[in-house]
C-alpha atoms as a PDB file:
ATOM      1  CA  UNK A   1      -0.316  -0.120  -0.297  1.00  0.00           C
ATOM      2  CA  UNK A   2       1.610   3.467  -0.824  1.00  0.00           C
ATOM      3  CA  UNK A   3       1.181   6.401   1.252  1.00  0.00           C
ATOM      4  CA  UNK A   4      -0.343   9.065  -0.650  1.00  0.00           C
ATOM      5  CA  UNK A   5       1.089  12.933   0.444  1.00  0.00           C
ATOM      6  CA  UNK A   6      -1.463  15.577   0.271  1.00  0.00           C
ATOM      7  CA  UNK A   7      -0.491  17.975  -2.890  1.00  0.00           C
ATOM      8  CA  UNK A   8       0.524  21.313  -1.538  1.00  0.00           C
ATOM      9  CA  UNK A   9      -2.945  22.528  -3.156  1.00  0.00           C
ATOM     10  CA  UNK A  10      -5.252  20.081  -1.531  1.00  0.00           C
ATOM     11  CA  UNK A  11      -7.405  21.746   1.141  1.00  0.00           C
ATOM     12  CA  UNK A  12      -8.448  19.996   4.440  1.00  0.00           C
ATOM     13  CA  UNK A  13     -12.292  19.406   2.861  1.00  0.00           C
ATOM     14  CA  UNK A  14     -10.455  17.651  -0.133  1.00  0.00           C
ATOM     15  CA  UNK A  15      -7.962  15.794   2.078  1.00  0.00           C
ATOM     16  CA  UNK A  16     -11.078  14.721   4.298  1.00  0.00           C
ATOM     17  CA  UNK A  17     -13.052  13.570   1.104  1.00  0.00           C
ATOM     18  CA  UNK A  18      -9.636  11.909  -0.044  1.00  0.00           C
ATOM     19  CA  UNK A  19      -9.417   9.958   2.913  1.00  0.00           C
ATOM     20  CA  UNK A  20     -13.093   9.115   3.757  1.00  0.00           C
ATOM     21  CA  UNK A  21     -13.713   7.738   0.199  1.00  0.00           C
ATOM     22  CA  UNK A  22     -10.314   5.566   0.427  1.00  0.00           C
ATOM     23  CA  UNK A  23     -11.509   4.331   3.678  1.00  0.00           C
ATOM     24  CA  UNK A  24     -15.400   3.468   2.073  1.00  0.00           C
ATOM     25  CA  UNK A  25     -13.454   1.567  -1.161  1.00  0.00           C
ATOM     26  CA  UNK A  26     -11.386  -0.359   1.294  1.00  0.00           C
ATOM     27  CA  UNK A  27      -8.115   0.988   0.242  1.00  0.00           C
ATOM     28  CA  UNK A  28      -7.295   2.362   3.807  1.00  0.00           C
ATOM     29  CA  UNK A  29      -8.041  -0.070   6.655  1.00  0.00           C
ATOM     30  CA  UNK A  30     -10.941   1.680   8.765  1.00  0.00           C
ATOM     31  CA  UNK A  31      -8.517   2.565  12.231  1.00  0.00           C
ATOM     32  CA  UNK A  32      -5.608   3.854   9.793  1.00  0.00           C
ATOM     33  CA  UNK A  33      -7.905   6.447   8.147  1.00  0.00           C
ATOM     34  CA  UNK A  34      -9.216   7.306  11.300  1.00  0.00           C
ATOM     35  CA  UNK A  35      -5.660   8.540  12.214  1.00  0.00           C
ATOM     36  CA  UNK A  36      -5.359  10.474   9.064  1.00  0.00           C
ATOM     37  CA  UNK A  37      -8.441  11.851   8.904  1.00  0.00           C
ATOM     38  CA  UNK A  38      -8.488  13.509  12.309  1.00  0.00           C
ATOM     39  CA  UNK A  39      -6.114  16.243  11.470  1.00  0.00           C
ATOM     40  CA  UNK A  40      -8.380  17.726   8.480  1.00  0.00           C
ATOM     41  CA  UNK A  41     -11.419  17.120  10.315  1.00  0.00           C
ATOM     42  CA  UNK A  42      -9.921  19.052  13.520  1.00  0.00           C
ATOM     43  CA  UNK A  43      -8.625  22.073  11.283  1.00  0.00           C
ATOM     44  CA  UNK A  44     -11.873  22.224   9.340  1.00  0.00           C
ATOM     45  CA  UNK A  45     -13.871  23.103  12.855  1.00  0.00           C
ATOM     46  CA  UNK A  46     -15.567  19.928  12.779  1.00  0.00           C
ATOM     47  CA  UNK A  47     -14.366  17.345  15.418  1.00  0.00           C
ATOM     48  CA  UNK A  48     -16.852  17.959  17.846  1.00  0.00           C
ATOM     49  CA  UNK A  49     -19.893  17.274  15.485  1.00  0.00           C
ATOM     50  CA  UNK A  50     -21.628  14.196  15.104  1.00  0.00           C
ATOM     51  CA  UNK A  51     -20.849  11.946  13.282  1.00  0.00           C
ATOM     52  CA  UNK A  52     -17.199  13.271  12.493  1.00  0.00           C
ATOM     53  CA  UNK A  53     -16.606  12.948  16.481  1.00  0.00           C
ATOM     54  CA  UNK A  54     -16.319   9.360  15.733  1.00  0.00           C
ATOM     55  CA  UNK A  55     -13.155   9.826  13.922  1.00  0.00           C
ATOM     56  CA  UNK A  56     -11.578  11.468  17.100  1.00  0.00           C
ATOM     57  CA  UNK A  57     -13.303   8.511  19.477  1.00  0.00           C
ATOM     58  CA  UNK A  58     -12.095   5.756  17.514  1.00  0.00           C
ATOM     59  CA  UNK A  59      -8.363   7.233  17.478  1.00  0.00           C
ATOM     60  CA  UNK A  60      -8.445   7.983  20.684  1.00  0.00           C
ATOM     61  CA  UNK A  61      -9.121   4.404  21.890  1.00  0.00           C
ATOM     62  CA  UNK A  62      -6.641   2.883  19.251  1.00  0.00           C
ATOM     63  CA  UNK A  63      -4.160   5.125  19.479  1.00  0.00           C
ATOM     64  CA  UNK A  64      -1.979   2.801  21.155  1.00  0.00           C
ATOM     65  CA  UNK A  65      -2.161   0.344  18.256  1.00  0.00           C
ATOM     66  CA  UNK A  66       0.763  -0.203  15.721  1.00  0.00           C
ATOM     67  CA  UNK A  67      -1.395   0.626  12.567  1.00  0.00           C
ATOM     68  CA  UNK A  68       0.638   2.358  10.668  1.00  0.00           C
ATOM     69  CA  UNK A  69       2.780   0.850   8.137  1.00  0.00           C
ATOM     70  CA  UNK A  70       5.752   2.819   8.902  1.00  0.00           C
ATOM     71  CA  UNK A  71       4.996   2.356  12.527  1.00  0.00           C
ATOM     72  CA  UNK A  72       5.007  -1.207  12.616  1.00  0.00           C
ATOM     73  CA  UNK A  73       8.108  -1.574  11.061  1.00  0.00           C
ATOM     74  CA  UNK A  74       9.954  -0.278  14.235  1.00  0.00           C
ATOM     75  CA  UNK A  75       7.795  -3.219  16.162  1.00  0.00           C
ATOM     76  CA  UNK A  76       8.923  -6.746  17.236  1.00  0.00           C
ATOM     77  CA  UNK A  77       7.225  -9.507  15.309  1.00  0.00           C
ATOM     78  CA  UNK A  78       5.843 -11.343  18.415  1.00  0.00           C
ATOM     79  CA  UNK A  79       4.425  -8.227  19.721  1.00  0.00           C
ATOM     80  CA  UNK A  80       2.642  -7.717  16.183  1.00  0.00           C
ATOM     81  CA  UNK A  81       0.843 -10.895  16.354  1.00  0.00           C
ATOM     82  CA  UNK A  82      -0.541 -10.479  19.294  1.00  0.00           C
ATOM     83  CA  UNK A  83      -1.376  -6.328  18.456  1.00  0.00           C
ATOM     84  CA  UNK A  84      -2.961  -7.606  14.864  1.00  0.00           C
ATOM     85  CA  UNK A  85      -5.462  -9.716  16.902  1.00  0.00           C
ATOM     86  CA  UNK A  86      -6.309  -6.153  19.224  1.00  0.00           C
ATOM     87  CA  UNK A  87      -6.497  -4.441  15.805  1.00  0.00           C
ATOM     88  CA  UNK A  88      -8.873  -6.827  14.282  1.00  0.00           C
ATOM     89  CA  UNK A  89     -10.685  -6.755  17.492  1.00  0.00           C
ATOM     90  CA  UNK A  90     -11.007  -2.582  16.973  1.00  0.00           C
ATOM     91  CA  UNK A  91     -11.704  -2.776  13.725  1.00  0.00           C
ATOM     92  CA  UNK A  92     -14.805  -5.354  13.668  1.00  0.00           C
ATOM     93  CA  UNK A  93     -15.908  -2.954  16.692  1.00  0.00           C
ATOM     94  CA  UNK A  94     -15.310   0.340  14.631  1.00  0.00           C
ATOM     95  CA  UNK A  95     -15.746  -0.251  11.137  1.00  0.00           C
ATOM     96  CA  UNK A  96     -19.663   0.530  10.837  1.00  0.00           C
ATOM     97  CA  UNK A  97     -19.599   3.984  13.024  1.00  0.00           C
ATOM     98  CA  UNK A  98     -16.649   4.776  10.960  1.00  0.00           C
ATOM     99  CA  UNK A  99     -17.993   4.059   7.522  1.00  0.00           C
ATOM    100  CA  UNK A 100     -21.557   6.127   8.276  1.00  0.00           C
ATOM    101  CA  UNK A 101     -19.188   8.890   9.188  1.00  0.00           C
ATOM    102  CA  UNK A 102     -17.043   8.509   6.151  1.00  0.00           C
ATOM    103  CA  UNK A 103     -20.241   8.856   4.283  1.00  0.00           C
ATOM    104  CA  UNK A 104     -20.943  11.503   5.990  1.00  0.00           C
ATOM    105  CA  UNK A 105     -17.700  13.152   5.029  1.00  0.00           C
ATOM    106  CA  UNK A 106     -18.509  12.722   1.564  1.00  0.00           C
ATOM    107  CA  UNK A 107     -22.059  14.085   1.776  1.00  0.00           C
ATOM    108  CA  UNK A 108     -20.606  17.185   3.069  1.00  0.00           C
ATOM    109  CA  UNK A 109     -17.688  17.586   1.113  1.00  0.00           C
ATOM    110  CA  UNK A 110     -18.456  15.733  -1.931  1.00  0.00           C
ATOM    111  CA  UNK A 111     -18.378  18.973  -4.070  1.00  0.00           C
ATOM    112  CA  UNK A 112     -14.690  19.400  -2.963  1.00  0.00           C
ATOM    113  CA  UNK A 113     -13.085  16.655  -4.560  1.00  0.00           C
END
């Protein structure tokens, strides 16, 4: 999976929209998408609104997990086996909420992309 960095002209609305679409199409895992969308959602000032607060809540509950590919390289393989179980469980818990919040991002900012 390649990491795409926002173009300098990409607004926070466009970035949030792109990440939400990647979550919805499965090209970005649910928890990683939450981690990546928190910044744009916060800068847009909607991180306390429902359903967008979902991203912040899920990230808060999973911020201890090694979900970023670059971060995972730093972890011991044996520890990752256990952490991957936690990641799977957290993904199952968060999936429906995050997909709903991602659809709301697309609905709200779809004209930006």
